[in-house]
Amino acid sequence: MRRRLRRWIAVALTAVASCAMAQGASATSNAPFHFDESAGPYATGFKVVEQYDYTRSFSKAQPGRPLQTLVWYPAESNRASMTVGDYVALLATETTFGKPTEPSAEAKELLAGLNPVLGERLRAVRDAPSASGRVPVVIYSPGFSSVAWENAD
């Protein structure tokens, strides 16, 4: 379990730090990751859907497995976008929906590693109004038991 959590921390650190660097990097930057593409015609909306999978057990007190589902979608918005810290905060309610939990020692280690980039802005705007019209759907699931936002942008 400890080895799996350390791997998760390494993946999360790499993914979030890469996104944060990419957001601020220019095409001529020496950053290891950067995106040359400009944003598309829509803003990126983001919302958290809290639901349960009743086909899986979680605990005696909890009848189903909590699933914190993250949804990114085409939006209409001119509000400020989310920060890396906003995504990190989702860890505290991942299985406790609306009731933040105290971070574990491993989570505190993750937070310490991400501290330099917590204020970096990414592209998504939390709870932005949806754009009208039909759009394709992309379904993504993180690997290696990682956080749902491992490839946020």
N, C-alpha and C. Protein backbone atom coordinates (compact mmCIF):
# COMPACT_ATOMS: atom_id res chain seq x y z
N MET A 1 0.83 -1.19 0.00
CA MET A 1 0.00 0.00 0.00
C MET A 1 0.87 1.26 0.00
N ARG A 2 1.91 1.27 0.82
CA ARG A 2 2.78 2.43 0.92
C ARG A 2 3.49 2.68 -0.41
N ARG A 3 3.95 1.60 -1.08
CA ARG A 3 4.63 1.74 -2.36
C ARG A 3 3.67 2.30 -3.41
N ARG A 4 2.44 1.83 -3.39
CA ARG A 4 1.43 2.30 -4.34
C ARG A 4 1.16 3.79 -4.13
N LEU A 5 1.09 4.22 -2.87
CA LEU A 5 0.84 5.63 -2.57
C LEU A 5 2.01 6.49 -3.00
N ARG A 6 3.22 6.01 -2.79
CA ARG A 6 4.39 6.77 -3.23
C ARG A 6 4.40 6.93 -4.75
N ARG A 7 4.02 5.87 -5.47
CA ARG A 7 3.93 5.94 -6.93
C ARG A 7 2.86 6.96 -7.33
N TRP A 8 1.73 6.95 -6.62
CA TRP A 8 0.65 7.89 -6.88
C TRP A 8 1.14 9.32 -6.67
N ILE A 9 1.87 9.55 -5.59
CA ILE A 9 2.40 10.88 -5.31
C ILE A 9 3.33 11.32 -6.43
N ALA A 10 4.21 10.43 -6.88
CA ALA A 10 5.14 10.76 -7.95
C ALA A 10 4.41 11.11 -9.24
N VAL A 11 3.39 10.33 -9.59
CA VAL A 11 2.61 10.60 -10.80
C VAL A 11 1.88 11.93 -10.68
N ALA A 12 1.25 12.16 -9.52
CA ALA A 12 0.51 13.41 -9.32
C ALA A 12 1.44 14.62 -9.37
N LEU A 13 2.57 14.54 -8.71
CA LEU A 13 3.53 15.64 -8.73
C LEU A 13 3.97 15.96 -10.15
N THR A 14 4.31 14.93 -10.90
CA THR A 14 4.78 15.11 -12.27
C THR A 14 3.69 15.73 -13.14
N ALA A 15 2.47 15.19 -13.05
CA ALA A 15 1.38 15.66 -13.90
C ALA A 15 0.99 17.10 -13.58
N VAL A 16 0.80 17.41 -12.32
CA VAL A 16 0.36 18.75 -11.96
C VAL A 16 1.46 19.77 -12.20
N ALA A 17 2.68 19.45 -11.84
CA ALA A 17 3.78 20.38 -12.08
C ALA A 17 3.95 20.62 -13.58
N SER A 18 3.79 19.57 -14.38
CA SER A 18 3.90 19.72 -15.83
C SER A 18 2.82 20.63 -16.38
N CYS A 19 1.59 20.46 -15.88
CA CYS A 19 0.49 21.32 -16.33
C CYS A 19 0.75 22.77 -15.94
N ALA A 20 1.22 22.96 -14.72
CA ALA A 20 1.48 24.32 -14.25
C ALA A 20 2.59 24.97 -15.07
N MET A 21 3.65 24.21 -15.35
CA MET A 21 4.74 24.76 -16.15
C MET A 21 4.26 25.04 -17.56
N ALA A 22 3.46 24.15 -18.10
CA ALA A 22 2.98 24.31 -19.48
C ALA A 22 2.12 25.54 -19.62
N GLN A 23 1.34 25.84 -18.61
CA GLN A 23 0.44 26.97 -18.69
C GLN A 23 1.21 28.28 -18.84
N GLY A 24 2.34 28.38 -18.16
CA GLY A 24 3.11 29.61 -18.21
C GLY A 24 4.24 29.60 -19.21
N ALA A 25 4.51 28.48 -19.81
CA ALA A 25 5.65 28.37 -20.72
C ALA A 25 5.32 28.89 -22.11
N SER A 26 6.29 29.50 -22.73
CA SER A 26 6.09 29.93 -24.12
C SER A 26 6.71 28.88 -25.04
N ALA A 27 6.48 29.03 -26.32
CA ALA A 27 6.98 28.05 -27.28
C ALA A 27 8.51 28.02 -27.30
N THR A 28 9.15 29.10 -26.89
CA THR A 28 10.60 29.14 -26.90
C THR A 28 11.20 28.79 -25.55
N SER A 29 10.39 28.43 -24.61
CA SER A 29 10.85 28.13 -23.26
C SER A 29 11.66 26.85 -23.22
N ASN A 30 12.50 26.73 -22.21
CA ASN A 30 13.26 25.50 -21.98
C ASN A 30 12.52 24.54 -21.06
N ALA A 31 11.28 24.83 -20.71
CA ALA A 31 10.50 23.95 -19.85
C ALA A 31 10.36 22.59 -20.53
N PRO A 32 10.39 21.50 -19.76
CA PRO A 32 10.32 20.17 -20.37
C PRO A 32 8.99 19.90 -21.07
N PHE A 33 7.93 20.56 -20.66
CA PHE A 33 6.62 20.38 -21.28
C PHE A 33 6.03 21.75 -21.57
N HIS A 34 5.50 21.91 -22.74
CA HIS A 34 4.75 23.12 -23.04
C HIS A 34 3.78 22.82 -24.18
N PHE A 35 2.72 23.61 -24.23
CA PHE A 35 1.72 23.45 -25.26
C PHE A 35 1.77 24.67 -26.17
N ASP A 36 2.00 24.42 -27.45
CA ASP A 36 2.04 25.51 -28.40
C ASP A 36 0.65 25.93 -28.85
N GLU A 37 -0.31 25.05 -28.66
CA GLU A 37 -1.67 25.33 -29.12
C GLU A 37 -2.33 26.40 -28.25
N SER A 38 -3.04 27.29 -28.90
CA SER A 38 -3.80 28.28 -28.13
C SER A 38 -5.14 27.65 -27.75
N ALA A 39 -5.83 28.28 -26.83
CA ALA A 39 -7.13 27.79 -26.40
C ALA A 39 -8.11 27.83 -27.56
N GLY A 40 -9.08 26.96 -27.54
CA GLY A 40 -10.10 26.91 -28.59
C GLY A 40 -11.14 28.00 -28.42
N PRO A 41 -12.25 27.88 -29.15
CA PRO A 41 -13.27 28.93 -29.14
C PRO A 41 -14.09 29.01 -27.85
N TYR A 42 -14.02 27.98 -27.02
CA TYR A 42 -14.79 27.96 -25.78
C TYR A 42 -13.87 28.01 -24.57
N ALA A 43 -14.40 28.55 -23.49
CA ALA A 43 -13.71 28.42 -22.21
C ALA A 43 -13.88 26.96 -21.78
N THR A 44 -13.11 26.54 -20.79
CA THR A 44 -13.23 25.18 -20.26
C THR A 44 -13.95 25.25 -18.92
N GLY A 45 -15.12 24.67 -18.86
CA GLY A 45 -15.85 24.59 -17.61
C GLY A 45 -15.44 23.36 -16.84
N PHE A 46 -15.66 23.39 -15.54
CA PHE A 46 -15.30 22.26 -14.68
C PHE A 46 -16.33 22.14 -13.56
N LYS A 47 -16.77 20.92 -13.32
CA LYS A 47 -17.64 20.69 -12.16
C LYS A 47 -17.33 19.33 -11.56
N VAL A 48 -17.67 19.21 -10.29
CA VAL A 48 -17.48 17.96 -9.55
C VAL A 48 -18.85 17.33 -9.37
N VAL A 49 -18.97 16.06 -9.76
CA VAL A 49 -20.21 15.31 -9.58
C VAL A 49 -19.91 14.24 -8.53
N GLU A 50 -20.63 14.29 -7.42
CA GLU A 50 -20.44 13.31 -6.35
C GLU A 50 -21.52 12.25 -6.47
N GLN A 51 -21.10 11.01 -6.65
CA GLN A 51 -22.05 9.92 -6.83
C GLN A 51 -21.52 8.65 -6.17
N TYR A 52 -22.33 7.63 -6.11
CA TYR A 52 -21.95 6.38 -5.48
C TYR A 52 -22.11 5.22 -6.44
N ASP A 53 -21.21 4.28 -6.35
CA ASP A 53 -21.30 3.02 -7.09
C ASP A 53 -21.78 1.98 -6.08
N TYR A 54 -23.08 1.66 -6.12
CA TYR A 54 -23.66 0.75 -5.15
C TYR A 54 -23.36 -0.72 -5.46
N THR A 55 -22.66 -0.97 -6.55
CA THR A 55 -22.25 -2.35 -6.85
C THR A 55 -20.94 -2.69 -6.15
N ARG A 56 -20.31 -1.69 -5.53
CA ARG A 56 -19.04 -1.90 -4.83
C ARG A 56 -19.19 -1.48 -3.37
N SER A 57 -18.55 -2.21 -2.49
CA SER A 57 -18.60 -1.84 -1.07
C SER A 57 -17.46 -0.90 -0.76
N PHE A 58 -17.64 -0.13 0.31
CA PHE A 58 -16.61 0.83 0.71
C PHE A 58 -16.30 0.67 2.20
N SER A 59 -17.33 0.72 3.02
CA SER A 59 -17.18 0.50 4.45
C SER A 59 -18.53 0.06 5.00
N LYS A 60 -18.54 -0.39 6.24
CA LYS A 60 -19.80 -0.82 6.85
C LYS A 60 -20.78 0.33 6.97
N ALA A 61 -20.26 1.52 7.21
CA ALA A 61 -21.13 2.70 7.36
C ALA A 61 -21.54 3.29 6.01
N GLN A 62 -20.82 2.93 4.96
CA GLN A 62 -21.07 3.49 3.63
C GLN A 62 -21.54 2.39 2.69
N PRO A 63 -22.78 2.45 2.21
CA PRO A 63 -23.31 1.37 1.38
C PRO A 63 -22.69 1.25 -0.02
N GLY A 64 -22.17 2.30 -0.56
CA GLY A 64 -21.58 2.25 -1.90
C GLY A 64 -20.25 2.95 -1.94
N ARG A 65 -19.48 2.72 -2.99
CA ARG A 65 -18.17 3.34 -3.16
C ARG A 65 -18.35 4.77 -3.65
N PRO A 66 -17.88 5.77 -2.89
CA PRO A 66 -17.99 7.15 -3.36
C PRO A 66 -17.13 7.36 -4.61
N LEU A 67 -17.70 8.05 -5.59
CA LEU A 67 -16.97 8.37 -6.82
C LEU A 67 -17.02 9.87 -7.04
N GLN A 68 -15.90 10.50 -6.88
CA GLN A 68 -15.80 11.93 -7.16
C GLN A 68 -15.49 12.04 -8.65
N THR A 69 -16.50 12.34 -9.44
CA THR A 69 -16.36 12.40 -10.89
C THR A 69 -16.12 13.85 -11.31
N LEU A 70 -15.06 14.06 -12.07
CA LEU A 70 -14.71 15.39 -12.52
C LEU A 70 -15.11 15.54 -13.98
N VAL A 71 -15.78 16.64 -14.29
CA VAL A 71 -16.30 16.86 -15.64
C VAL A 71 -15.75 18.19 -16.18
N TRP A 72 -15.07 18.11 -17.31
CA TRP A 72 -14.63 19.30 -18.03
C TRP A 72 -15.52 19.42 -19.27
N TYR A 73 -15.91 20.62 -19.63
CA TYR A 73 -16.87 20.80 -20.72
C TYR A 73 -16.69 22.17 -21.38
N PRO A 74 -17.15 22.31 -22.64
CA PRO A 74 -17.11 23.63 -23.29
C PRO A 74 -18.03 24.58 -22.52
N ALA A 75 -17.54 25.77 -22.25
CA ALA A 75 -18.28 26.70 -21.41
C ALA A 75 -18.23 28.11 -21.97
N GLU A 76 -19.05 28.93 -21.38
CA GLU A 76 -19.04 30.37 -21.65
C GLU A 76 -18.68 31.05 -20.34
N SER A 77 -17.51 31.65 -20.29
CA SER A 77 -17.11 32.26 -19.03
C SER A 77 -15.97 33.22 -19.24
N ASN A 78 -15.96 34.25 -18.42
CA ASN A 78 -14.83 35.18 -18.40
C ASN A 78 -14.30 35.31 -16.96
N ARG A 79 -14.69 34.35 -16.11
CA ARG A 79 -14.24 34.36 -14.72
C ARG A 79 -12.82 33.80 -14.63
N ALA A 80 -12.21 34.00 -13.48
CA ALA A 80 -10.86 33.49 -13.24
C ALA A 80 -10.85 31.97 -13.27
N SER A 81 -9.80 31.42 -13.81
CA SER A 81 -9.68 29.97 -13.90
C SER A 81 -9.16 29.39 -12.58
N MET A 82 -9.27 28.07 -12.47
CA MET A 82 -8.84 27.35 -11.27
C MET A 82 -7.32 27.33 -11.17
N THR A 83 -6.85 27.11 -9.96
CA THR A 83 -5.42 26.98 -9.72
C THR A 83 -5.08 25.51 -9.45
N VAL A 84 -3.80 25.21 -9.45
CA VAL A 84 -3.36 23.88 -9.06
C VAL A 84 -3.87 23.57 -7.66
N GLY A 85 -3.84 24.57 -6.78
CA GLY A 85 -4.34 24.39 -5.41
C GLY A 85 -5.81 24.02 -5.36
N ASP A 86 -6.61 24.54 -6.29
CA ASP A 86 -8.03 24.16 -6.34
C ASP A 86 -8.18 22.68 -6.63
N TYR A 87 -7.38 22.17 -7.52
CA TYR A 87 -7.43 20.73 -7.82
C TYR A 87 -6.93 19.91 -6.62
N VAL A 88 -5.85 20.35 -6.01
CA VAL A 88 -5.30 19.63 -4.86
C VAL A 88 -6.33 19.56 -3.74
N ALA A 89 -7.12 20.61 -3.56
CA ALA A 89 -8.14 20.63 -2.50
C ALA A 89 -9.18 19.53 -2.68
N LEU A 90 -9.34 19.02 -3.89
CA LEU A 90 -10.31 17.95 -4.13
C LEU A 90 -9.93 16.67 -3.39
N LEU A 91 -8.64 16.52 -3.06
CA LEU A 91 -8.20 15.34 -2.31
C LEU A 91 -8.93 15.21 -0.98
N ALA A 92 -9.19 16.33 -0.32
CA ALA A 92 -9.77 16.31 1.02
C ALA A 92 -11.21 15.82 1.04
N THR A 93 -11.89 15.86 -0.11
CA THR A 93 -13.30 15.44 -0.16
C THR A 93 -13.53 14.31 -1.17
N GLU A 94 -12.47 13.66 -1.59
CA GLU A 94 -12.57 12.64 -2.63
C GLU A 94 -13.56 11.53 -2.28
N THR A 95 -13.59 11.10 -1.04
CA THR A 95 -14.51 10.04 -0.63
C THR A 95 -15.43 10.48 0.50
N THR A 96 -15.35 11.75 0.89
CA THR A 96 -16.18 12.22 2.02
C THR A 96 -17.14 13.33 1.63
N PHE A 97 -17.30 13.60 0.39
CA PHE A 97 -18.24 14.55 -0.20
C PHE A 97 -18.65 15.69 0.74
N GLY A 98 -18.01 16.83 0.59
CA GLY A 98 -18.39 18.01 1.35
C GLY A 98 -17.89 18.04 2.78
N LYS A 99 -17.25 17.00 3.22
CA LYS A 99 -16.72 16.94 4.58
C LYS A 99 -15.22 16.70 4.50
N PRO A 100 -14.44 17.78 4.38
CA PRO A 100 -12.99 17.61 4.21
C PRO A 100 -12.37 16.79 5.34
N THR A 101 -11.42 15.96 4.96
CA THR A 101 -10.70 15.15 5.93
C THR A 101 -9.28 15.70 6.09
N GLU A 102 -8.68 15.40 7.22
CA GLU A 102 -7.30 15.79 7.49
C GLU A 102 -6.40 14.98 6.56
N PRO A 103 -5.46 15.62 5.88
CA PRO A 103 -4.59 14.87 4.97
C PRO A 103 -3.70 13.89 5.73
N SER A 104 -3.45 12.76 5.09
CA SER A 104 -2.54 11.76 5.64
C SER A 104 -1.11 12.29 5.53
N ALA A 105 -0.19 11.58 6.11
CA ALA A 105 1.23 11.96 6.01
C ALA A 105 1.68 11.98 4.56
N GLU A 106 1.21 10.99 3.78
CA GLU A 106 1.57 10.93 2.37
C GLU A 106 0.98 12.11 1.59
N ALA A 107 -0.27 12.48 1.93
CA ALA A 107 -0.89 13.62 1.27
C ALA A 107 -0.18 14.91 1.63
N LYS A 108 0.26 15.02 2.88
CA LYS A 108 1.02 16.21 3.29
C LYS A 108 2.33 16.30 2.51
N GLU A 109 2.93 15.14 2.24
CA GLU A 109 4.15 15.10 1.43
C GLU A 109 3.86 15.60 0.02
N LEU A 110 2.74 15.17 -0.55
CA LEU A 110 2.33 15.63 -1.87
C LEU A 110 2.12 17.14 -1.86
N LEU A 111 1.42 17.64 -0.86
CA LEU A 111 1.15 19.07 -0.77
C LEU A 111 2.45 19.87 -0.66
N ALA A 112 3.39 19.37 0.12
CA ALA A 112 4.67 20.06 0.27
C ALA A 112 5.40 20.11 -1.07
N GLY A 113 5.34 19.03 -1.83
CA GLY A 113 5.99 19.01 -3.13
C GLY A 113 5.33 19.94 -4.14
N LEU A 114 4.04 20.12 -4.01
CA LEU A 114 3.31 20.98 -4.95
C LEU A 114 3.27 22.44 -4.51
N ASN A 115 3.71 22.73 -3.31
CA ASN A 115 3.60 24.08 -2.76
C ASN A 115 4.08 25.17 -3.72
N PRO A 116 5.19 24.99 -4.43
CA PRO A 116 5.65 26.06 -5.33
C PRO A 116 4.69 26.39 -6.47
N VAL A 117 3.81 25.46 -6.84
CA VAL A 117 2.93 25.70 -7.98
C VAL A 117 1.44 25.80 -7.61
N LEU A 118 1.10 25.79 -6.32
CA LEU A 118 -0.31 25.79 -5.92
C LEU A 118 -1.08 27.00 -6.46
N GLY A 119 -0.45 28.12 -6.62
CA GLY A 119 -1.13 29.32 -7.12
C GLY A 119 -1.18 29.45 -8.63
N GLU A 120 -0.54 28.53 -9.35
CA GLU A 120 -0.53 28.59 -10.81
C GLU A 120 -1.93 28.37 -11.37
N ARG A 121 -2.33 29.22 -12.28
CA ARG A 121 -3.65 29.11 -12.91
C ARG A 121 -3.60 28.15 -14.09
N LEU A 122 -4.62 27.31 -14.17
CA LEU A 122 -4.78 26.41 -15.30
C LEU A 122 -5.93 26.97 -16.15
N ARG A 123 -6.55 26.18 -17.01
CA ARG A 123 -7.56 26.74 -17.91
C ARG A 123 -9.00 26.61 -17.45
N ALA A 124 -9.32 25.63 -16.65
CA ALA A 124 -10.72 25.36 -16.31
C ALA A 124 -11.30 26.40 -15.34
N VAL A 125 -12.59 26.68 -15.53
CA VAL A 125 -13.33 27.60 -14.67
C VAL A 125 -14.39 26.79 -13.94
N ARG A 126 -14.34 26.79 -12.62
CA ARG A 126 -15.26 25.97 -11.82
C ARG A 126 -16.69 26.46 -11.98
N ASP A 127 -17.59 25.51 -12.25
CA ASP A 127 -19.03 25.75 -12.36
C ASP A 127 -19.41 26.84 -13.36
N ALA A 128 -18.67 26.93 -14.44
CA ALA A 128 -18.98 27.89 -15.49
C ALA A 128 -20.24 27.45 -16.25
N PRO A 129 -21.03 28.39 -16.78
CA PRO A 129 -22.20 28.01 -17.58
C PRO A 129 -21.77 27.24 -18.83
N SER A 130 -22.49 26.20 -19.17
CA SER A 130 -22.20 25.39 -20.36
C SER A 130 -22.44 26.19 -21.63
N ALA A 131 -21.62 25.92 -22.63
CA ALA A 131 -21.85 26.49 -23.94
C ALA A 131 -23.02 25.73 -24.57
N SER A 132 -23.76 26.39 -25.43
CA SER A 132 -24.88 25.71 -26.09
C SER A 132 -24.39 24.90 -27.28
N GLY A 133 -25.19 23.96 -27.70
CA GLY A 133 -24.85 23.15 -28.86
C GLY A 133 -24.37 21.77 -28.47
N ARG A 134 -24.18 20.94 -29.50
CA ARG A 134 -23.73 19.57 -29.30
C ARG A 134 -22.22 19.51 -29.44
N VAL A 135 -21.61 18.71 -28.58
CA VAL A 135 -20.16 18.54 -28.61
C VAL A 135 -19.85 17.06 -28.40
N PRO A 136 -18.70 16.60 -28.87
CA PRO A 136 -18.33 15.21 -28.63
C PRO A 136 -18.01 15.00 -27.15
N VAL A 137 -18.10 13.76 -26.71
CA VAL A 137 -17.79 13.41 -25.33
C VAL A 137 -16.49 12.62 -25.30
N VAL A 138 -15.63 12.96 -24.35
CA VAL A 138 -14.39 12.21 -24.12
C VAL A 138 -14.45 11.70 -22.70
N ILE A 139 -14.29 10.40 -22.52
CA ILE A 139 -14.29 9.81 -21.18
C ILE A 139 -12.87 9.36 -20.88
N TYR A 140 -12.38 9.80 -19.74
CA TYR A 140 -10.99 9.55 -19.36
C TYR A 140 -10.94 9.03 -17.93
N SER A 141 -10.12 8.07 -17.69
CA SER A 141 -9.92 7.55 -16.34
C SER A 141 -8.43 7.50 -16.07
N PRO A 142 -7.98 8.08 -14.94
CA PRO A 142 -6.55 8.07 -14.64
C PRO A 142 -6.04 6.67 -14.35
N GLY A 143 -4.78 6.46 -14.57
CA GLY A 143 -4.17 5.16 -14.30
C GLY A 143 -3.36 5.14 -13.03
N PHE A 144 -2.86 3.98 -12.67
CA PHE A 144 -1.99 3.79 -11.52
C PHE A 144 -2.62 4.27 -10.21
N SER A 145 -3.95 4.17 -10.09
CA SER A 145 -4.66 4.64 -8.89
C SER A 145 -4.35 6.10 -8.58
N SER A 146 -4.22 6.89 -9.60
CA SER A 146 -3.86 8.28 -9.43
C SER A 146 -5.10 9.14 -9.15
N VAL A 147 -4.86 10.42 -8.91
CA VAL A 147 -5.94 11.35 -8.69
C VAL A 147 -6.67 11.61 -10.01
N ALA A 148 -7.95 11.93 -9.94
CA ALA A 148 -8.75 12.13 -11.14
C ALA A 148 -8.27 13.30 -11.98
N TRP A 149 -7.60 14.25 -11.36
CA TRP A 149 -7.15 15.45 -12.08
C TRP A 149 -5.71 15.37 -12.54
N GLU A 150 -5.16 14.16 -12.64
CA GLU A 150 -3.74 14.02 -12.96
C GLU A 150 -3.35 14.68 -14.27
N ASN A 151 -4.24 14.77 -15.22
CA ASN A 151 -3.96 15.44 -16.50
C ASN A 151 -4.98 16.56 -16.73
N ALA A 152 -5.13 17.40 -15.76
CA ALA A 152 -6.18 18.40 -15.73
C ALA A 152 -6.31 19.18 -17.04
N ASP A 153 -5.27 19.74 -17.52
CA ASP A 153 -5.38 20.55 -18.73
C ASP A 153 -4.77 19.86 -19.93
